[in-house]
Amino acid sequence: MKFSHIHHVAIICSDYSQSKDFYTRILGFEIIHETYRAERQSYKLDLRIDNNSQIELFSFPDAPKRPSYPEAQGLRHLAFSVDNIEKAIDHLNSFDIETEPIRIDEITGKRFTFFSDPDGLPLELYEV
């Protein structure tokens, strides 16, 4: 089996409107398709990150919270490549989104930082 890329990452949010605004207006992801599924009282929003990758943003009534943060088993964080980490941090900070201090990856020597989405999902900026 050979994989070409990650197609999508699915995220369940607690406040659909707030998360939709965060991922579209603040992070700048393009809406591909938005669906409301009345039988599930659930939205599904497909967002384009680039030509190969997408985020599926879901809302479900009464979805359970993440059991612990940040070192629970499973997905640890979602990382986005950026060309200029300072510019990306300035953009996030202009929307009052806090970012951690820039760190250096001890293996690659690349710079990175973390921030959170409206539900506290750990997101990373990784300078390429």
Foldseek 3Di string as FASTA:
>chain_A
DDDDDEQEAEDEDADVVQLVCCVCVQVNWAWPDWDQDVVQRKIWTWTHPDPRYIYTYMYGPPDDADPDPQPDPDDRAAEDEDADVVVSCVSCVVVVWDKDDWDADPVPRWIKIWTAGPSRGIYMYTHD
